[in-house]
């Protein structure tokens, strides 16, 4: 019987859309073009790092996923994202994995942080996308798994803002972790000031309210 950790490891190793650059360019142009018609701008300034943890906030709507598909396709990196395992059950499971999804069972105790850090060490090119809020609802504090993965792997945390107020997707900061979790989180969360989610009443923590 396969364990959850083995399933996660398999999701990392299997081929994804990132292995098909022509298709990736088409996906980016299609999604970015569609949102562009609605007034959205996708910042062209990307991180020069080949490996990093990309955190995305505020996460208040299912529409965030489609914005991320367009942005993820433009990163020109091997992109993966984590999502709750229940989303991978049913006909959309294989599609999510092909898009780079990694199922995570938050109810299970395992060394997922160590596994992801190890994956970074074995690769020359990898971006792991994480929504630190962990839910579309309002939260009082972020889940810190993204920080521990980045620190353990020795890669930067790149913060991406989904700004529905300005209709813009942009990188708001890039941080090298120091090991001082509280101090680093203050710097990272402060970079989201002024970034407004689709449902502003749910994104107070990300904006530093």
N, C-alpha and C. Protein backbone atom coordinates (compact mmCIF):
# COMPACT_ATOMS: atom_id res chain seq x y z
N UNK A 1 0.84 -1.20 0.00
CA UNK A 1 0.00 0.00 0.00
C UNK A 1 0.87 1.24 0.00
N UNK A 2 0.62 2.18 -0.90
CA UNK A 2 1.43 3.39 -0.99
C UNK A 2 1.10 4.33 0.16
N UNK A 3 2.09 4.96 0.68
CA UNK A 3 1.87 5.97 1.71
C UNK A 3 1.62 7.30 1.05
N UNK A 4 1.13 8.27 1.84
CA UNK A 4 0.87 9.61 1.28
C UNK A 4 2.15 10.24 0.76
N UNK A 5 3.27 10.01 1.49
CA UNK A 5 4.52 10.61 1.08
C UNK A 5 4.98 10.09 -0.26
N UNK A 6 4.75 8.81 -0.52
CA UNK A 6 5.12 8.24 -1.82
C UNK A 6 4.27 8.86 -2.93
N UNK A 7 3.01 9.09 -2.66
CA UNK A 7 2.14 9.71 -3.66
C UNK A 7 2.61 11.11 -3.98
N UNK A 8 3.01 11.85 -2.96
CA UNK A 8 3.50 13.21 -3.17
C UNK A 8 4.78 13.19 -3.98
N UNK A 9 5.67 12.25 -3.65
CA UNK A 9 6.93 12.16 -4.37
C UNK A 9 6.68 11.84 -5.83
N UNK A 10 5.70 10.96 -6.11
CA UNK A 10 5.38 10.63 -7.48
C UNK A 10 4.84 11.82 -8.24
N UNK A 11 4.06 12.67 -7.55
CA UNK A 11 3.51 13.86 -8.20
C UNK A 11 4.62 14.80 -8.63
N UNK A 12 5.71 14.85 -7.89
CA UNK A 12 6.85 15.70 -8.24
C UNK A 12 7.60 15.13 -9.44
N UNK A 13 7.74 13.80 -9.49
CA UNK A 13 8.59 13.18 -10.50
C UNK A 13 7.91 13.02 -11.85
N UNK A 14 6.57 12.97 -11.90
CA UNK A 14 5.90 12.74 -13.17
C UNK A 14 6.00 13.95 -14.08
N UNK A 15 5.84 13.71 -15.38
CA UNK A 15 5.89 14.80 -16.34
C UNK A 15 4.67 15.69 -16.19
N UNK A 16 4.89 16.98 -16.40
CA UNK A 16 3.82 17.95 -16.29
C UNK A 16 3.79 18.83 -17.54
N UNK A 17 2.89 19.80 -17.56
CA UNK A 17 2.79 20.72 -18.67
C UNK A 17 4.11 21.47 -18.89
N UNK A 18 4.92 21.60 -17.84
CA UNK A 18 6.20 22.32 -17.96
C UNK A 18 7.20 21.58 -18.86
N UNK A 19 6.91 20.32 -19.17
CA UNK A 19 7.77 19.56 -20.07
C UNK A 19 7.39 19.77 -21.53
N UNK A 20 6.42 20.65 -21.78
CA UNK A 20 5.96 20.93 -23.13
C UNK A 20 5.96 22.45 -23.35
N UNK A 21 7.12 23.04 -23.64
CA UNK A 21 7.24 24.49 -23.71
C UNK A 21 6.31 25.18 -24.70
N UNK A 22 6.06 24.57 -25.85
CA UNK A 22 5.17 25.20 -26.83
C UNK A 22 3.75 25.29 -26.27
N UNK A 23 3.29 24.22 -25.65
CA UNK A 23 1.96 24.23 -25.05
C UNK A 23 1.90 25.23 -23.90
N UNK A 24 3.00 25.32 -23.16
CA UNK A 24 3.06 26.26 -22.04
C UNK A 24 2.90 27.70 -22.52
N UNK A 25 3.57 28.02 -23.62
CA UNK A 25 3.45 29.37 -24.18
C UNK A 25 2.01 29.65 -24.63
N UNK A 26 1.38 28.64 -25.22
CA UNK A 26 -0.01 28.80 -25.66
C UNK A 26 -0.93 29.02 -24.47
N UNK A 27 -0.73 28.27 -23.40
CA UNK A 27 -1.56 28.43 -22.20
C UNK A 27 -1.42 29.84 -21.63
N UNK A 28 -0.17 30.32 -21.55
CA UNK A 28 0.06 31.66 -21.01
C UNK A 28 -0.63 32.72 -21.88
N UNK A 29 -0.45 32.63 -23.19
CA UNK A 29 -1.05 33.63 -24.08
C UNK A 29 -2.56 33.59 -24.01
N UNK A 30 -3.13 32.39 -23.91
CA UNK A 30 -4.59 32.26 -23.88
C UNK A 30 -5.16 32.85 -22.59
N UNK A 31 -4.61 32.42 -21.44
CA UNK A 31 -5.14 32.89 -20.17
C UNK A 31 -4.82 34.37 -19.95
N UNK A 32 -3.57 34.76 -20.21
CA UNK A 32 -3.19 36.16 -20.02
C UNK A 32 -3.96 37.06 -20.96
N UNK A 33 -4.19 36.59 -22.19
CA UNK A 33 -4.96 37.38 -23.14
C UNK A 33 -6.40 37.57 -22.69
N UNK A 34 -6.99 36.48 -22.17
CA UNK A 34 -8.36 36.56 -21.69
C UNK A 34 -8.50 37.54 -20.53
N UNK A 35 -7.59 37.44 -19.56
CA UNK A 35 -7.64 38.37 -18.43
C UNK A 35 -7.24 39.78 -18.87
N UNK A 36 -6.35 39.86 -19.87
CA UNK A 36 -5.94 41.17 -20.37
C UNK A 36 -7.12 41.94 -20.94
N UNK A 37 -8.06 41.24 -21.56
CA UNK A 37 -9.25 41.89 -22.10
C UNK A 37 -10.12 42.47 -21.00
N UNK A 38 -9.94 41.96 -19.79
CA UNK A 38 -10.70 42.46 -18.64
C UNK A 38 -9.89 43.48 -17.84
N UNK A 39 -8.77 43.91 -18.43
CA UNK A 39 -8.00 44.97 -17.79
C UNK A 39 -6.88 44.52 -16.88
N UNK A 40 -6.57 43.22 -16.86
CA UNK A 40 -5.51 42.72 -15.99
C UNK A 40 -4.14 42.92 -16.63
N UNK A 41 -3.14 43.21 -15.78
CA UNK A 41 -1.75 43.32 -16.22
C UNK A 41 -0.90 42.28 -15.51
N UNK A 42 -0.05 41.62 -16.27
CA UNK A 42 0.88 40.63 -15.72
C UNK A 42 2.28 41.23 -15.76
N UNK A 43 2.83 41.48 -14.58
CA UNK A 43 4.16 42.08 -14.52
C UNK A 43 5.19 41.18 -15.20
N UNK A 44 6.03 41.77 -16.01
CA UNK A 44 7.02 40.99 -16.75
C UNK A 44 8.31 40.77 -15.95
N UNK A 45 8.50 41.53 -14.87
CA UNK A 45 9.73 41.37 -14.08
C UNK A 45 9.61 40.11 -13.23
N UNK A 46 10.44 39.12 -13.55
CA UNK A 46 10.40 37.85 -12.84
C UNK A 46 11.69 37.65 -12.06
N UNK A 47 11.66 36.76 -11.10
CA UNK A 47 12.86 36.47 -10.33
C UNK A 47 13.90 35.82 -11.22
N UNK A 48 15.17 36.17 -11.01
CA UNK A 48 16.25 35.56 -11.79
C UNK A 48 16.70 34.24 -11.17
N UNK A 49 16.23 33.94 -9.97
CA UNK A 49 16.60 32.67 -9.32
C UNK A 49 16.01 31.50 -10.09
N UNK A 50 16.74 30.42 -10.15
CA UNK A 50 16.25 29.24 -10.85
C UNK A 50 15.43 28.34 -9.93
N UNK A 51 15.61 28.53 -8.62
CA UNK A 51 14.85 27.74 -7.65
C UNK A 51 14.33 28.67 -6.56
N UNK A 52 13.04 28.58 -6.27
CA UNK A 52 12.49 29.38 -5.19
C UNK A 52 11.10 28.90 -4.81
N UNK A 53 10.66 29.32 -3.63
CA UNK A 53 9.29 29.10 -3.19
C UNK A 53 8.51 30.36 -3.52
N UNK A 54 7.43 30.21 -4.28
CA UNK A 54 6.60 31.34 -4.68
C UNK A 54 5.33 31.32 -3.84
N UNK A 55 5.18 32.31 -2.96
CA UNK A 55 3.95 32.39 -2.18
C UNK A 55 3.00 33.37 -2.83
N UNK A 56 1.71 33.07 -2.76
CA UNK A 56 0.70 33.85 -3.45
C UNK A 56 -0.38 34.29 -2.46
N UNK A 57 -0.67 35.58 -2.43
CA UNK A 57 -1.68 36.12 -1.53
C UNK A 57 -2.18 37.45 -2.12
N UNK A 58 -3.34 37.92 -1.72
CA UNK A 58 -4.32 37.25 -0.87
C UNK A 58 -5.05 36.16 -1.67
N UNK A 59 -5.42 35.09 -1.00
CA UNK A 59 -6.15 34.00 -1.64
C UNK A 59 -7.57 34.01 -1.09
N UNK A 60 -8.49 34.60 -1.86
CA UNK A 60 -9.86 34.77 -1.38
C UNK A 60 -10.91 34.24 -2.35
N UNK A 61 -10.47 33.68 -3.49
CA UNK A 61 -11.43 33.29 -4.52
C UNK A 61 -10.91 32.13 -5.35
N UNK A 62 -11.83 31.34 -5.89
CA UNK A 62 -11.45 30.27 -6.81
C UNK A 62 -10.85 30.82 -8.10
N UNK A 63 -11.16 32.08 -8.43
CA UNK A 63 -10.61 32.69 -9.64
C UNK A 63 -9.08 32.84 -9.54
N UNK A 64 -8.56 32.84 -8.32
CA UNK A 64 -7.11 32.97 -8.15
C UNK A 64 -6.36 31.88 -8.91
N UNK A 65 -6.95 30.69 -8.96
CA UNK A 65 -6.29 29.56 -9.63
C UNK A 65 -6.03 29.87 -11.09
N UNK A 66 -6.99 30.47 -11.78
CA UNK A 66 -6.85 30.74 -13.21
C UNK A 66 -5.81 31.84 -13.45
N UNK A 67 -5.74 32.80 -12.56
CA UNK A 67 -4.69 33.81 -12.66
C UNK A 67 -3.32 33.17 -12.51
N UNK A 68 -3.23 32.21 -11.60
CA UNK A 68 -1.95 31.54 -11.36
C UNK A 68 -1.53 30.66 -12.52
N UNK A 69 -2.49 30.07 -13.21
CA UNK A 69 -2.15 29.27 -14.39
C UNK A 69 -1.42 30.14 -15.41
N UNK A 70 -1.96 31.34 -15.65
CA UNK A 70 -1.33 32.25 -16.61
C UNK A 70 0.04 32.69 -16.13
N UNK A 71 0.16 33.05 -14.86
CA UNK A 71 1.44 33.51 -14.33
C UNK A 71 2.44 32.37 -14.26
N UNK A 72 2.00 31.21 -13.81
CA UNK A 72 2.89 30.06 -13.71
C UNK A 72 3.48 29.67 -15.05
N UNK A 73 2.68 29.80 -16.10
CA UNK A 73 3.16 29.44 -17.44
C UNK A 73 4.23 30.40 -17.93
N UNK A 74 4.26 31.61 -17.35
CA UNK A 74 5.22 32.62 -17.80
C UNK A 74 6.55 32.56 -17.04
N UNK A 75 6.64 31.74 -16.00
CA UNK A 75 7.83 31.73 -15.15
C UNK A 75 9.05 31.08 -15.81
N UNK A 76 8.81 30.23 -16.81
CA UNK A 76 9.88 29.51 -17.51
C UNK A 76 10.71 28.66 -16.54
N UNK A 77 10.01 28.03 -15.62
CA UNK A 77 10.63 27.15 -14.63
C UNK A 77 9.77 25.89 -14.50
N UNK A 78 10.31 24.86 -13.87
CA UNK A 78 9.53 23.68 -13.54
C UNK A 78 8.66 24.03 -12.34
N UNK A 79 7.37 24.22 -12.60
CA UNK A 79 6.47 24.75 -11.58
C UNK A 79 5.61 23.64 -10.98
N UNK A 80 5.51 23.68 -9.65
CA UNK A 80 4.61 22.78 -8.93
C UNK A 80 3.82 23.61 -7.92
N UNK A 81 2.64 23.13 -7.57
CA UNK A 81 1.85 23.80 -6.54
C UNK A 81 1.21 22.75 -5.63
N UNK A 82 0.98 23.14 -4.39
CA UNK A 82 0.35 22.23 -3.44
C UNK A 82 -1.12 22.60 -3.26
N UNK A 83 -1.96 21.58 -3.12
CA UNK A 83 -3.39 21.79 -2.89
C UNK A 83 -3.92 20.63 -2.06
N UNK A 84 -5.04 20.85 -1.39
CA UNK A 84 -5.58 19.80 -0.53
C UNK A 84 -5.93 18.57 -1.35
N UNK A 85 -5.68 17.41 -0.76
CA UNK A 85 -5.75 16.15 -1.50
C UNK A 85 -7.14 15.86 -2.04
N UNK A 86 -8.20 16.38 -1.39
CA UNK A 86 -9.56 16.09 -1.83
C UNK A 86 -9.84 16.64 -3.23
N UNK A 87 -9.08 17.68 -3.65
CA UNK A 87 -9.28 18.24 -4.98
C UNK A 87 -8.81 17.30 -6.08
N UNK A 88 -7.96 16.33 -5.71
CA UNK A 88 -7.39 15.42 -6.69
C UNK A 88 -8.21 14.14 -6.84
N UNK A 89 -9.31 14.06 -6.10
CA UNK A 89 -10.17 12.89 -6.19
C UNK A 89 -11.20 13.12 -7.30
N UNK A 90 -11.31 12.15 -8.20
CA UNK A 90 -12.27 12.29 -9.29
C UNK A 90 -11.60 12.59 -10.61
N UNK A 91 -12.37 12.98 -11.61
CA UNK A 91 -11.85 13.14 -12.97
C UNK A 91 -10.83 14.26 -13.14
N UNK A 92 -10.84 15.26 -12.24
CA UNK A 92 -9.92 16.38 -12.40
C UNK A 92 -8.56 16.11 -11.74
N UNK A 93 -8.44 15.00 -11.01
CA UNK A 93 -7.19 14.68 -10.36
C UNK A 93 -6.00 14.60 -11.30
N UNK A 94 -6.09 13.78 -12.37
CA UNK A 94 -4.97 13.68 -13.32
C UNK A 94 -4.62 15.02 -13.97
N UNK A 95 -5.64 15.84 -14.24
CA UNK A 95 -5.38 17.15 -14.85
C UNK A 95 -4.60 18.05 -13.90
N UNK A 96 -5.00 18.06 -12.62
CA UNK A 96 -4.31 18.89 -11.64
C UNK A 96 -2.85 18.45 -11.49
N UNK A 97 -2.62 17.15 -11.49
CA UNK A 97 -1.25 16.64 -11.38
C UNK A 97 -0.45 17.01 -12.62
N UNK A 98 -1.08 16.95 -13.78
CA UNK A 98 -0.38 17.30 -15.02
C UNK A 98 -0.03 18.78 -15.05
N UNK A 99 -0.84 19.59 -14.38
CA UNK A 99 -0.55 21.02 -14.29
C UNK A 99 0.53 21.31 -13.26
N UNK A 100 0.97 20.26 -12.53
CA UNK A 100 2.03 20.43 -11.54
C UNK A 100 1.55 20.33 -10.11
N UNK A 101 0.30 19.92 -9.91
CA UNK A 101 -0.26 19.85 -8.57
C UNK A 101 0.30 18.72 -7.73
N UNK A 102 0.46 18.98 -6.45
CA UNK A 102 0.91 17.99 -5.48
C UNK A 102 -0.16 17.88 -4.41
N UNK A 103 -0.82 16.70 -4.27
CA UNK A 103 -1.86 16.56 -3.25
C UNK A 103 -1.27 16.52 -1.85
N UNK A 104 -1.87 17.28 -0.94
CA UNK A 104 -1.39 17.33 0.44
C UNK A 104 -2.56 17.03 1.38
N UNK A 105 -2.38 16.05 2.24
CA UNK A 105 -3.38 15.71 3.25
C UNK A 105 -2.97 16.39 4.54
N UNK A 106 -3.63 17.48 4.87
CA UNK A 106 -3.25 18.26 6.04
C UNK A 106 -3.51 17.51 7.34
N UNK A 107 -4.32 16.44 7.26
CA UNK A 107 -4.62 15.68 8.47
C UNK A 107 -3.56 14.64 8.79
N UNK A 108 -2.60 14.43 7.91
CA UNK A 108 -1.57 13.42 8.10
C UNK A 108 -0.28 14.06 8.60
N UNK A 109 0.41 13.37 9.48
CA UNK A 109 1.71 13.83 9.96
C UNK A 109 2.80 13.14 9.14
N UNK A 110 3.61 13.89 8.48
CA UNK A 110 4.70 13.29 7.70
C UNK A 110 5.76 14.35 7.48
N UNK A 111 6.85 13.95 6.90
CA UNK A 111 8.00 14.86 6.73
C UNK A 111 7.96 15.56 5.38
N UNK A 112 6.82 16.16 5.07
CA UNK A 112 6.65 16.77 3.76
C UNK A 112 7.62 17.93 3.56
N UNK A 113 7.86 18.72 4.60
CA UNK A 113 8.79 19.84 4.49
C UNK A 113 10.17 19.33 4.09
N UNK A 114 10.63 18.27 4.75
CA UNK A 114 11.95 17.70 4.43
C UNK A 114 11.98 17.15 3.01
N UNK A 115 10.89 16.54 2.58
CA UNK A 115 10.84 15.98 1.22
C UNK A 115 10.94 17.08 0.17
N UNK A 116 10.23 18.17 0.38
CA UNK A 116 10.27 19.26 -0.59
C UNK A 116 11.64 19.94 -0.61
N UNK A 117 12.24 20.09 0.57
CA UNK A 117 13.59 20.66 0.63
C UNK A 117 14.57 19.77 -0.12
N UNK A 118 14.41 18.45 0.01
CA UNK A 118 15.28 17.50 -0.67
C UNK A 118 15.08 17.58 -2.19
N UNK A 119 13.83 17.76 -2.62
CA UNK A 119 13.56 17.89 -4.06
C UNK A 119 14.29 19.10 -4.64
N UNK A 120 14.30 20.21 -3.90
CA UNK A 120 15.01 21.40 -4.37
C UNK A 120 16.50 21.10 -4.52
N UNK A 121 17.07 20.36 -3.58
CA UNK A 121 18.50 20.09 -3.61
C UNK A 121 18.89 19.20 -4.79
N UNK A 122 17.94 18.42 -5.29
CA UNK A 122 18.23 17.48 -6.38
C UNK A 122 17.94 18.07 -7.76
N UNK A 123 17.45 19.31 -7.80
CA UNK A 123 17.05 19.90 -9.07
C UNK A 123 17.80 21.20 -9.34
N UNK A 124 17.97 21.51 -10.61
CA UNK A 124 18.59 22.78 -11.01
C UNK A 124 17.54 23.84 -11.30
N UNK A 125 16.28 23.42 -11.38
CA UNK A 125 15.23 24.32 -11.83
C UNK A 125 13.92 23.88 -11.17
N UNK A 126 13.38 24.71 -10.26
CA UNK A 126 12.12 24.33 -9.61
C UNK A 126 11.50 25.52 -8.91
N UNK A 127 10.19 25.68 -9.10
CA UNK A 127 9.41 26.68 -8.38
C UNK A 127 8.25 25.95 -7.70
N UNK A 128 8.10 26.17 -6.41
CA UNK A 128 7.00 25.57 -5.66
C UNK A 128 6.05 26.69 -5.24
N UNK A 129 4.82 26.64 -5.76
CA UNK A 129 3.83 27.67 -5.47
C UNK A 129 2.99 27.26 -4.27
N UNK A 130 2.86 28.17 -3.30
CA UNK A 130 2.11 27.89 -2.08
C UNK A 130 1.26 29.10 -1.73
N UNK A 131 0.02 28.86 -1.31
CA UNK A 131 -0.82 29.94 -0.77
C UNK A 131 -0.69 29.85 0.76
N UNK A 132 0.04 30.76 1.38
CA UNK A 132 0.33 30.64 2.82
C UNK A 132 -0.88 30.75 3.71
N UNK A 133 -1.96 31.34 3.22
CA UNK A 133 -3.17 31.41 4.03
C UNK A 133 -3.81 30.04 4.18
N UNK A 134 -3.62 29.17 3.18
CA UNK A 134 -4.12 27.80 3.27
C UNK A 134 -5.61 27.66 3.08
N UNK A 135 -6.33 28.76 2.87
CA UNK A 135 -7.77 28.73 2.71
C UNK A 135 -8.20 30.04 2.06
N UNK A 136 -9.41 30.03 1.47
CA UNK A 136 -9.94 31.26 0.89
C UNK A 136 -10.56 32.16 1.94
N UNK A 137 -10.75 31.63 3.16
CA UNK A 137 -11.36 32.42 4.22
C UNK A 137 -10.34 33.30 4.94
N UNK A 138 -10.84 34.22 5.74
CA UNK A 138 -9.97 35.12 6.50
C UNK A 138 -9.21 34.33 7.55
N UNK A 139 -7.93 34.61 7.70
CA UNK A 139 -7.10 33.93 8.68
C UNK A 139 -6.36 34.96 9.53
N UNK A 140 -5.99 34.55 10.73
CA UNK A 140 -5.25 35.43 11.63
C UNK A 140 -3.74 35.26 11.47
N UNK A 141 -3.33 34.13 10.94
CA UNK A 141 -1.90 33.94 10.69
C UNK A 141 -1.70 32.93 9.56
N UNK A 142 -0.58 33.08 8.87
CA UNK A 142 -0.27 32.18 7.78
C UNK A 142 0.25 30.84 8.28
N UNK A 143 0.11 29.83 7.46
CA UNK A 143 0.78 28.55 7.70
C UNK A 143 2.24 28.72 7.28
N UNK A 144 3.15 28.23 8.08
CA UNK A 144 4.58 28.54 7.88
C UNK A 144 5.36 27.45 7.15
N UNK A 145 4.66 26.47 6.58
CA UNK A 145 5.36 25.42 5.86
C UNK A 145 6.23 25.96 4.74
N UNK A 146 5.73 26.98 4.04
CA UNK A 146 6.49 27.56 2.92
C UNK A 146 7.84 28.09 3.40
N UNK A 147 7.84 28.68 4.59
CA UNK A 147 9.08 29.26 5.13
C UNK A 147 10.08 28.16 5.46
N UNK A 148 9.61 27.11 6.10
CA UNK A 148 10.52 26.03 6.50
C UNK A 148 11.08 25.29 5.28
N UNK A 149 10.26 25.16 4.24
CA UNK A 149 10.75 24.54 3.01
C UNK A 149 11.84 25.39 2.39
N UNK A 150 11.59 26.69 2.26
CA UNK A 150 12.57 27.59 1.65
C UNK A 150 13.86 27.63 2.46
N UNK A 151 13.73 27.72 3.77
CA UNK A 151 14.92 27.81 4.62
C UNK A 151 15.71 26.51 4.58
N UNK A 152 15.00 25.39 4.62
CA UNK A 152 15.68 24.10 4.57
C UNK A 152 16.37 23.85 3.25
N UNK A 153 15.79 24.38 2.16
CA UNK A 153 16.36 24.17 0.83
C UNK A 153 17.38 25.24 0.47
N UNK A 154 17.42 26.32 1.27
CA UNK A 154 18.35 27.41 0.96
C UNK A 154 17.96 28.19 -0.27
N UNK A 155 16.64 28.32 -0.50
CA UNK A 155 16.14 29.06 -1.67
C UNK A 155 15.33 30.26 -1.19
N UNK A 156 15.21 31.30 -2.01
CA UNK A 156 14.45 32.49 -1.58
C UNK A 156 12.95 32.27 -1.58
N UNK A 157 12.27 33.13 -0.83
CA UNK A 157 10.81 33.21 -0.86
C UNK A 157 10.44 34.40 -1.74
N UNK A 158 9.79 34.12 -2.86
CA UNK A 158 9.33 35.17 -3.76
C UNK A 158 7.84 35.37 -3.50
N UNK A 159 7.45 36.59 -3.18
CA UNK A 159 6.05 36.89 -2.84
C UNK A 159 5.33 37.50 -4.04
N UNK A 160 4.24 36.87 -4.43
CA UNK A 160 3.45 37.32 -5.57
C UNK A 160 2.10 37.84 -5.08
N UNK A 161 1.72 39.03 -5.51
CA UNK A 161 0.45 39.62 -5.11
C UNK A 161 -0.60 39.50 -6.19
N UNK A 162 -1.78 39.02 -5.81
CA UNK A 162 -2.93 39.00 -6.71
C UNK A 162 -3.78 40.22 -6.36
N UNK A 163 -3.55 41.30 -7.04
CA UNK A 163 -4.18 42.58 -6.69
C UNK A 163 -5.41 42.82 -7.56
N UNK A 164 -6.58 42.49 -7.02
CA UNK A 164 -7.83 42.70 -7.75
C UNK A 164 -8.18 44.17 -7.79
N UNK A 165 -7.66 44.96 -6.83
CA UNK A 165 -7.94 46.39 -6.83
C UNK A 165 -7.33 47.08 -8.04
N UNK A 166 -6.05 46.79 -8.30
CA UNK A 166 -5.34 47.38 -9.43
C UNK A 166 -5.42 46.50 -10.67
N UNK A 167 -6.03 45.31 -10.54
CA UNK A 167 -6.07 44.32 -11.61
C UNK A 167 -4.67 44.04 -12.13
N UNK A 168 -3.82 43.66 -11.20
CA UNK A 168 -2.42 43.44 -11.53
C UNK A 168 -1.87 42.25 -10.74
N UNK A 169 -1.05 41.46 -11.41
CA UNK A 169 -0.31 40.38 -10.75
C UNK A 169 1.15 40.81 -10.76
N UNK A 170 1.74 40.90 -9.58
CA UNK A 170 3.12 41.39 -9.53
C UNK A 170 3.89 40.78 -8.36
N UNK A 171 5.20 40.71 -8.53
CA UNK A 171 6.07 40.28 -7.45
C UNK A 171 6.26 41.47 -6.51
N UNK A 172 5.97 41.26 -5.22
CA UNK A 172 6.06 42.36 -4.26
C UNK A 172 7.33 42.30 -3.42
N UNK A 173 7.98 41.14 -3.36
CA UNK A 173 9.25 41.05 -2.62
C UNK A 173 9.94 39.72 -2.93
N UNK A 174 11.23 39.69 -2.64
CA UNK A 174 12.02 38.46 -2.73
C UNK A 174 12.93 38.43 -1.50
N UNK A 175 12.79 37.40 -0.69
CA UNK A 175 13.44 37.37 0.61
C UNK A 175 14.27 36.11 0.81
N UNK A 176 15.50 36.29 1.26
CA UNK A 176 16.33 35.17 1.70
C UNK A 176 16.08 34.97 3.19
N UNK A 177 15.66 33.78 3.58
CA UNK A 177 15.34 33.54 4.98
C UNK A 177 16.59 33.59 5.84
N UNK A 178 16.43 34.05 7.08
CA UNK A 178 17.55 34.17 8.02
C UNK A 178 17.50 33.13 9.12
N UNK A 179 16.34 32.47 9.25
CA UNK A 179 16.15 31.55 10.36
C UNK A 179 15.34 32.18 11.48
N UNK A 180 15.20 33.49 11.44
CA UNK A 180 14.36 34.20 12.41
C UNK A 180 12.96 34.29 11.80
N UNK A 181 12.12 33.32 12.10
CA UNK A 181 10.81 33.20 11.47
C UNK A 181 9.96 34.45 11.66
N UNK A 182 9.84 34.93 12.88
CA UNK A 182 8.96 36.06 13.14
C UNK A 182 9.42 37.33 12.41
N UNK A 183 10.73 37.58 12.44
CA UNK A 183 11.26 38.78 11.79
C UNK A 183 11.08 38.70 10.27
N UNK A 184 11.37 37.54 9.71
CA UNK A 184 11.24 37.39 8.26
C UNK A 184 9.78 37.50 7.82
N UNK A 185 8.86 36.92 8.61
CA UNK A 185 7.45 37.00 8.26
C UNK A 185 6.93 38.44 8.30
N UNK A 186 7.44 39.22 9.23
CA UNK A 186 7.02 40.63 9.28
C UNK A 186 7.41 41.36 8.00
N UNK A 187 8.61 41.06 7.51
CA UNK A 187 9.09 41.70 6.28
C UNK A 187 8.25 41.25 5.08
N UNK A 188 7.99 39.95 5.01
CA UNK A 188 7.26 39.40 3.86
C UNK A 188 5.82 39.88 3.85
N UNK A 189 5.13 39.80 4.99
CA UNK A 189 3.73 40.21 5.01
C UNK A 189 3.58 41.71 4.78
N UNK A 190 4.56 42.49 5.25
CA UNK A 190 4.50 43.94 5.04
C UNK A 190 4.55 44.29 3.56
N UNK A 191 5.19 43.44 2.75
CA UNK A 191 5.30 43.73 1.32
C UNK A 191 3.96 43.62 0.61
N UNK A 192 2.96 43.04 1.28
CA UNK A 192 1.62 42.90 0.68
C UNK A 192 0.71 44.08 0.99
N UNK A 193 1.20 45.08 1.70
CA UNK A 193 0.34 46.23 1.99
C UNK A 193 -0.14 46.88 0.68
N UNK A 194 -1.43 47.13 0.62
CA UNK A 194 -1.99 47.75 -0.57
C UNK A 194 -2.48 46.76 -1.61
N UNK A 195 -2.16 45.47 -1.44
CA UNK A 195 -2.62 44.44 -2.36
C UNK A 195 -4.00 43.97 -1.90
N UNK A 196 -4.98 44.04 -2.78
CA UNK A 196 -6.37 43.76 -2.42
C UNK A 196 -6.87 42.51 -3.12
N UNK A 197 -7.43 41.57 -2.36
CA UNK A 197 -7.97 40.34 -2.92
C UNK A 197 -9.34 40.56 -3.56
N UNK A 198 -9.85 39.53 -4.21
CA UNK A 198 -11.17 39.62 -4.86
C UNK A 198 -12.25 39.94 -3.82
N UNK A 199 -12.11 39.37 -2.64
CA UNK A 199 -13.04 39.64 -1.55
C UNK A 199 -12.24 40.31 -0.43
N UNK A 200 -12.14 41.63 -0.42
CA UNK A 200 -11.28 42.35 0.52
C UNK A 200 -11.56 42.05 1.99
N UNK A 201 -12.81 41.70 2.31
CA UNK A 201 -13.14 41.43 3.70
C UNK A 201 -12.45 40.17 4.23
N UNK A 202 -11.90 39.36 3.32
CA UNK A 202 -11.24 38.12 3.73
C UNK A 202 -9.73 38.21 3.74
N UNK A 203 -9.15 39.32 3.27
CA UNK A 203 -7.70 39.36 3.11
C UNK A 203 -7.01 40.34 4.06
N UNK A 204 -7.64 40.61 5.20
CA UNK A 204 -7.07 41.59 6.13
C UNK A 204 -5.67 41.27 6.60
N UNK A 205 -5.38 39.98 6.87
CA UNK A 205 -4.03 39.65 7.36
C UNK A 205 -2.98 39.91 6.30
N UNK A 206 -3.27 39.52 5.06
CA UNK A 206 -2.28 39.70 3.98
C UNK A 206 -1.97 41.17 3.76
N UNK A 207 -2.94 42.05 3.97
CA UNK A 207 -2.69 43.47 3.75
C UNK A 207 -2.11 44.17 4.96
N UNK A 208 -1.95 43.39 6.05
CA UNK A 208 -1.33 43.96 7.23
C UNK A 208 -2.28 44.76 8.10
N UNK A 209 -3.60 44.53 7.94
CA UNK A 209 -4.58 45.26 8.74
C UNK A 209 -4.52 44.81 10.19
